[in-house]
Amino acid sequence: MTEPDPQIEAALTALRTEFGDRLDDAGIARVREQLTAIAATSKTLAAAPLANGDEPMSVFQAQAKG
């Protein structure tokens, strides 16, 4: 098993403090899964090499009039 992510654990602690009366163990597990997925996506995006001047990619789609 991997080490728990400290940021995810901190977020879960805050959620338990704020919403603990409305979250059971299954709810906390679902939130942990979602936060883990968000963290993985974040790491993937952060790994993309970007220079300071890189612009967002835009997609051009021509549409016929009428």
C-alpha atoms as a PDB file:
ATOM      1  CA  MET A   1       0.000   0.000   0.000  1.00  0.00           C
ATOM      2  CA  THR A   2       1.231   3.493  -0.785  1.00  0.00           C
ATOM      3  CA  GLU A   3       1.795   6.248   1.712  1.00  0.00           C
ATOM      4  CA  PRO A   4      -1.245   8.497   2.224  1.00  0.00           C
ATOM      5  CA  ASP A   5      -0.929  11.884   0.537  1.00  0.00           C
ATOM      6  CA  PRO A   6      -0.623  14.518   3.302  1.00  0.00           C
ATOM      7  CA  GLN A   7      -2.694  17.048   1.338  1.00  0.00           C
ATOM      8  CA  ILE A   8      -5.522  14.559   0.842  1.00  0.00           C
ATOM      9  CA  GLU A   9      -5.425  13.579   4.508  1.00  0.00           C
ATOM     10  CA  ALA A  10      -5.517  17.269   5.533  1.00  0.00           C
ATOM     11  CA  ALA A  11      -8.538  17.841   3.279  1.00  0.00           C
ATOM     12  CA  LEU A  12     -10.280  14.780   4.734  1.00  0.00           C
ATOM     13  CA  THR A  13      -9.585  16.003   8.272  1.00  0.00           C
ATOM     14  CA  ALA A  14     -11.140  19.370   7.406  1.00  0.00           C
ATOM     15  CA  LEU A  15     -14.155  17.640   5.839  1.00  0.00           C
ATOM     16  CA  ARG A  16     -14.611  15.401   8.889  1.00  0.00           C
ATOM     17  CA  THR A  17     -14.471  18.459  11.134  1.00  0.00           C
ATOM     18  CA  GLU A  18     -16.992  20.391   9.066  1.00  0.00           C
ATOM     19  CA  PHE A  19     -19.300  17.626   7.833  1.00  0.00           C
ATOM     20  CA  GLY A  20     -18.507  14.630  10.051  1.00  0.00           C
ATOM     21  CA  ASP A  21     -22.074  14.411  11.272  1.00  0.00           C
ATOM     22  CA  ARG A  22     -23.226  13.886   7.663  1.00  0.00           C
ATOM     23  CA  LEU A  23     -20.426  11.644   6.362  1.00  0.00           C
ATOM     24  CA  ASP A  24     -20.128   7.970   7.226  1.00  0.00           C
ATOM     25  CA  ASP A  25     -17.092   5.781   6.492  1.00  0.00           C
ATOM     26  CA  ALA A  26     -18.367   4.984   2.996  1.00  0.00           C
ATOM     27  CA  GLY A  27     -18.798   8.692   2.259  1.00  0.00           C
ATOM     28  CA  ILE A  28     -15.272   9.454   3.437  1.00  0.00           C
ATOM     29  CA  ALA A  29     -13.977   6.594   1.259  1.00  0.00           C
ATOM     30  CA  ARG A  30     -15.761   8.026  -1.798  1.00  0.00           C
ATOM     31  CA  VAL A  31     -14.355  11.488  -1.115  1.00  0.00           C
ATOM     32  CA  ARG A  32     -10.857  10.003  -0.676  1.00  0.00           C
ATOM     33  CA  GLU A  33     -11.174   8.243  -4.065  1.00  0.00           C
ATOM     34  CA  GLN A  34     -12.296  11.456  -5.734  1.00  0.00           C
ATOM     35  CA  LEU A  35      -9.517  13.517  -4.150  1.00  0.00           C
ATOM     36  CA  THR A  36      -6.967  10.872  -5.168  1.00  0.00           C
ATOM     37  CA  ALA A  37      -8.198  11.023  -8.770  1.00  0.00           C
ATOM     38  CA  ILE A  38      -8.050  14.831  -8.745  1.00  0.00           C
ATOM     39  CA  ALA A  39      -4.502  14.726  -7.339  1.00  0.00           C
ATOM     40  CA  ALA A  40      -3.406  12.256 -10.039  1.00  0.00           C
ATOM     41  CA  THR A  41      -4.855  14.475 -12.778  1.00  0.00           C
ATOM     42  CA  SER A  42      -3.163  17.481 -11.198  1.00  0.00           C
ATOM     43  CA  LYS A  43       0.216  15.754 -11.217  1.00  0.00           C
ATOM     44  CA  THR A  44      -0.236  14.793 -14.871  1.00  0.00           C
ATOM     45  CA  LEU A  45      -1.114  18.360 -15.836  1.00  0.00           C
ATOM     46  CA  ALA A  46       1.754  19.809 -13.788  1.00  0.00           C
ATOM     47  CA  ALA A  47       4.201  17.499 -15.584  1.00  0.00           C
ATOM     48  CA  ALA A  48       3.371  19.010 -18.991  1.00  0.00           C
ATOM     49  CA  PRO A  49       6.287  21.161 -20.123  1.00  0.00           C
ATOM     50  CA  LEU A  50       5.085  24.730 -20.623  1.00  0.00           C
ATOM     51  CA  ALA A  51       7.041  27.890 -21.195  1.00  0.00           C
ATOM     52  CA  ASN A  52       5.927  31.207 -19.770  1.00  0.00           C
ATOM     53  CA  GLY A  53       4.693  32.421 -23.164  1.00  0.00           C
ATOM     54  CA  ASP A  54       2.749  29.287 -24.157  1.00  0.00           C
ATOM     55  CA  GLU A  55      -0.813  30.086 -25.185  1.00  0.00           C
ATOM     56  CA  PRO A  56      -3.851  27.873 -24.645  1.00  0.00           C
ATOM     57  CA  MET A  57      -4.645  25.571 -27.539  1.00  0.00           C
ATOM     58  CA  SER A  58      -7.704  26.692 -29.458  1.00  0.00           C
ATOM     59  CA  VAL A  59      -9.738  24.627 -31.862  1.00  0.00           C
ATOM     60  CA  PHE A  60     -11.080  26.339 -34.964  1.00  0.00           C
ATOM     61  CA  GLN A  61     -14.374  25.036 -36.306  1.00  0.00           C
ATOM     62  CA  ALA A  62     -15.886  26.699 -39.341  1.00  0.00           C
ATOM     63  CA  GLN A  63     -19.668  26.775 -39.396  1.00  0.00           C
ATOM     64  CA  ALA A  64     -21.779  27.325 -42.488  1.00  0.00           C
ATOM     65  CA  LYS A  65     -24.153  30.283 -42.468  1.00  0.00           C
ATOM     66  CA  GLY A  66     -27.836  29.775 -42.598  1.00  0.00           C
END
